[in-house]
C-alpha cells in the first residue's frame, strides 16, 4: 500500500531544477520536489508521496486527512499531532 501525506509548504526554491521546497509535516520539515505542482505558493498544502508533491489541496482537506490518518494510527511516530496546524 502506498501512502501520500499532506504537508504545508513553508519555502520554495524556484532557482533550481526541479523546483524544490520545504514542506512541514506537523513539525517535521522535509525537502520535497514541487515540480509537478508549479503553481504552488508558500502556505499551500500539498499531498506528498516519496518526496514528490503530487497535487495541492485546501487546508480543511489537509487537516481532515491528517486527523483520519492519526485515527488509524498510521502516522503517530512520523508526523506528531495532526490537530496542531503546521507552523
C-alpha atoms as a PDB file:
ATOM      1  CA  UNK A   1       0.000   0.000   0.000  1.00  0.00           C
ATOM      2  CA  UNK A   2       1.234   3.481  -0.866  1.00  0.00           C
ATOM      3  CA  UNK A   3       0.665   6.445   1.389  1.00  0.00           C
ATOM      4  CA  UNK A   4       0.615  10.092   0.340  1.00  0.00           C
ATOM      5  CA  UNK A   5       0.649  12.588   3.198  1.00  0.00           C
ATOM      6  CA  UNK A   6      -0.464  16.244   3.311  1.00  0.00           C
ATOM      7  CA  UNK A   7       2.037  18.894   4.359  1.00  0.00           C
ATOM      8  CA  UNK A   8       2.288  22.681   4.362  1.00  0.00           C
ATOM      9  CA  UNK A   9       4.738  24.400   2.005  1.00  0.00           C
ATOM     10  CA  UNK A  10       6.887  26.799   4.045  1.00  0.00           C
ATOM     11  CA  UNK A  11       9.545  27.713   1.452  1.00  0.00           C
ATOM     12  CA  UNK A  12      10.032  27.346  -2.305  1.00  0.00           C
ATOM     13  CA  UNK A  13      13.273  27.424  -4.283  1.00  0.00           C
ATOM     14  CA  UNK A  14      12.464  28.126  -7.945  1.00  0.00           C
ATOM     15  CA  UNK A  15      16.144  28.801  -8.745  1.00  0.00           C
ATOM     16  CA  UNK A  16      16.840  25.070  -9.038  1.00  0.00           C
ATOM     17  CA  UNK A  17      15.600  22.384 -11.397  1.00  0.00           C
ATOM     18  CA  UNK A  18      13.478  20.613 -10.402  1.00  0.00           C
ATOM     19  CA  UNK A  19      11.607  23.152  -8.250  1.00  0.00           C
ATOM     20  CA  UNK A  20      12.209  22.223  -4.605  1.00  0.00           C
ATOM     21  CA  UNK A  21      10.619  23.335  -1.376  1.00  0.00           C
ATOM     22  CA  UNK A  22      10.496  22.830   2.339  1.00  0.00           C
ATOM     23  CA  UNK A  23       7.283  21.133   3.456  1.00  0.00           C
ATOM     24  CA  UNK A  24       6.187  20.939   7.083  1.00  0.00           C
ATOM     25  CA  UNK A  25       4.530  17.729   8.259  1.00  0.00           C
ATOM     26  CA  UNK A  26       3.278  18.663  11.750  1.00  0.00           C
ATOM     27  CA  UNK A  27       6.701  19.952  12.792  1.00  0.00           C
ATOM     28  CA  UNK A  28       8.862  17.638  10.688  1.00  0.00           C
ATOM     29  CA  UNK A  29      10.293  19.577   7.731  1.00  0.00           C
ATOM     30  CA  UNK A  30      11.468  17.818   4.574  1.00  0.00           C
ATOM     31  CA  UNK A  31      12.862  18.917   1.210  1.00  0.00           C
ATOM     32  CA  UNK A  32      10.259  17.971  -1.408  1.00  0.00           C
ATOM     33  CA  UNK A  33      10.211  18.161  -5.205  1.00  0.00           C
ATOM     34  CA  UNK A  34       7.479  20.647  -6.223  1.00  0.00           C
ATOM     35  CA  UNK A  35       7.980  20.356  -9.979  1.00  0.00           C
ATOM     36  CA  UNK A  36       4.615  18.616 -10.525  1.00  0.00           C
ATOM     37  CA  UNK A  37       2.751  21.497  -8.810  1.00  0.00           C
ATOM     38  CA  UNK A  38       4.398  24.526 -10.481  1.00  0.00           C
ATOM     39  CA  UNK A  39       1.692  26.987  -9.335  1.00  0.00           C
ATOM     40  CA  UNK A  40       2.156  26.129  -5.640  1.00  0.00           C
ATOM     41  CA  UNK A  41       2.665  29.014  -3.213  1.00  0.00           C
ATOM     42  CA  UNK A  42       4.095  29.221   0.292  1.00  0.00           C
ATOM     43  CA  UNK A  43       1.305  28.403   2.716  1.00  0.00           C
ATOM     44  CA  UNK A  44      -0.383  25.927   0.348  1.00  0.00           C
ATOM     45  CA  UNK A  45      -0.882  22.318   1.364  1.00  0.00           C
ATOM     46  CA  UNK A  46       0.387  19.558  -0.899  1.00  0.00           C
ATOM     47  CA  UNK A  47      -0.042  15.801  -0.946  1.00  0.00           C
ATOM     48  CA  UNK A  48       3.427  14.191  -0.896  1.00  0.00           C
ATOM     49  CA  UNK A  49       4.491  10.677  -1.821  1.00  0.00           C
ATOM     50  CA  UNK A  50       8.137   9.528  -1.725  1.00  0.00           C
ATOM     51  CA  UNK A  51       9.476  13.081  -1.830  1.00  0.00           C
ATOM     52  CA  UNK A  52       7.260  14.415  -4.631  1.00  0.00           C
ATOM     53  CA  UNK A  53       4.294  16.768  -4.239  1.00  0.00           C
ATOM     54  CA  UNK A  54       1.522  15.229  -6.330  1.00  0.00           C
ATOM     55  CA  UNK A  55      -1.149  17.931  -6.015  1.00  0.00           C
ATOM     56  CA  UNK A  56      -2.362  20.792  -3.850  1.00  0.00           C
ATOM     57  CA  UNK A  57      -5.335  20.726  -1.503  1.00  0.00           C
ATOM     58  CA  UNK A  58      -7.039  23.181   0.799  1.00  0.00           C
ATOM     59  CA  UNK A  59      -6.223  23.430   4.491  1.00  0.00           C
ATOM     60  CA  UNK A  60      -9.503  21.846   5.588  1.00  0.00           C
ATOM     61  CA  UNK A  61      -8.935  18.764   3.435  1.00  0.00           C
ATOM     62  CA  UNK A  62      -5.340  18.507   4.628  1.00  0.00           C
ATOM     63  CA  UNK A  63      -6.211  18.698   8.322  1.00  0.00           C
ATOM     64  CA  UNK A  64      -9.121  16.263   7.924  1.00  0.00           C
ATOM     65  CA  UNK A  65      -6.867  13.782   6.135  1.00  0.00           C
ATOM     66  CA  UNK A  66      -4.253  14.056   8.892  1.00  0.00           C
ATOM     67  CA  UNK A  67      -6.964  13.567  11.520  1.00  0.00           C
ATOM     68  CA  UNK A  68      -8.187  10.403   9.795  1.00  0.00           C
ATOM     69  CA  UNK A  69      -4.655   9.044   9.422  1.00  0.00           C
ATOM     70  CA  UNK A  70      -3.981   9.730  13.100  1.00  0.00           C
ATOM     71  CA  UNK A  71      -7.217   7.966  13.963  1.00  0.00           C
ATOM     72  CA  UNK A  72      -5.955   4.975  12.003  1.00  0.00           C
ATOM     73  CA  UNK A  73      -2.689   5.153  13.987  1.00  0.00           C
ATOM     74  CA  UNK A  74      -0.801   5.285  10.705  1.00  0.00           C
ATOM     75  CA  UNK A  75       1.384   8.298  11.385  1.00  0.00           C
ATOM     76  CA  UNK A  76       1.922   8.660  15.113  1.00  0.00           C
ATOM     77  CA  UNK A  77       5.685   8.186  15.002  1.00  0.00           C
ATOM     78  CA  UNK A  78       6.275  10.017  11.715  1.00  0.00           C
ATOM     79  CA  UNK A  79       4.215  13.209  11.964  1.00  0.00           C
ATOM     80  CA  UNK A  80       3.216  14.004  15.520  1.00  0.00           C
ATOM     81  CA  UNK A  81      -0.168  15.547  16.339  1.00  0.00           C
ATOM     82  CA  UNK A  82      -2.344  16.424  13.275  1.00  0.00           C
ATOM     83  CA  UNK A  83      -4.607  18.558  15.480  1.00  0.00           C
ATOM     84  CA  UNK A  84      -1.805  21.146  15.572  1.00  0.00           C
ATOM     85  CA  UNK A  85      -1.580  23.031  12.261  1.00  0.00           C
ATOM     86  CA  UNK A  86       1.948  23.121  10.798  1.00  0.00           C
ATOM     87  CA  UNK A  87       3.956  26.239  11.579  1.00  0.00           C
END
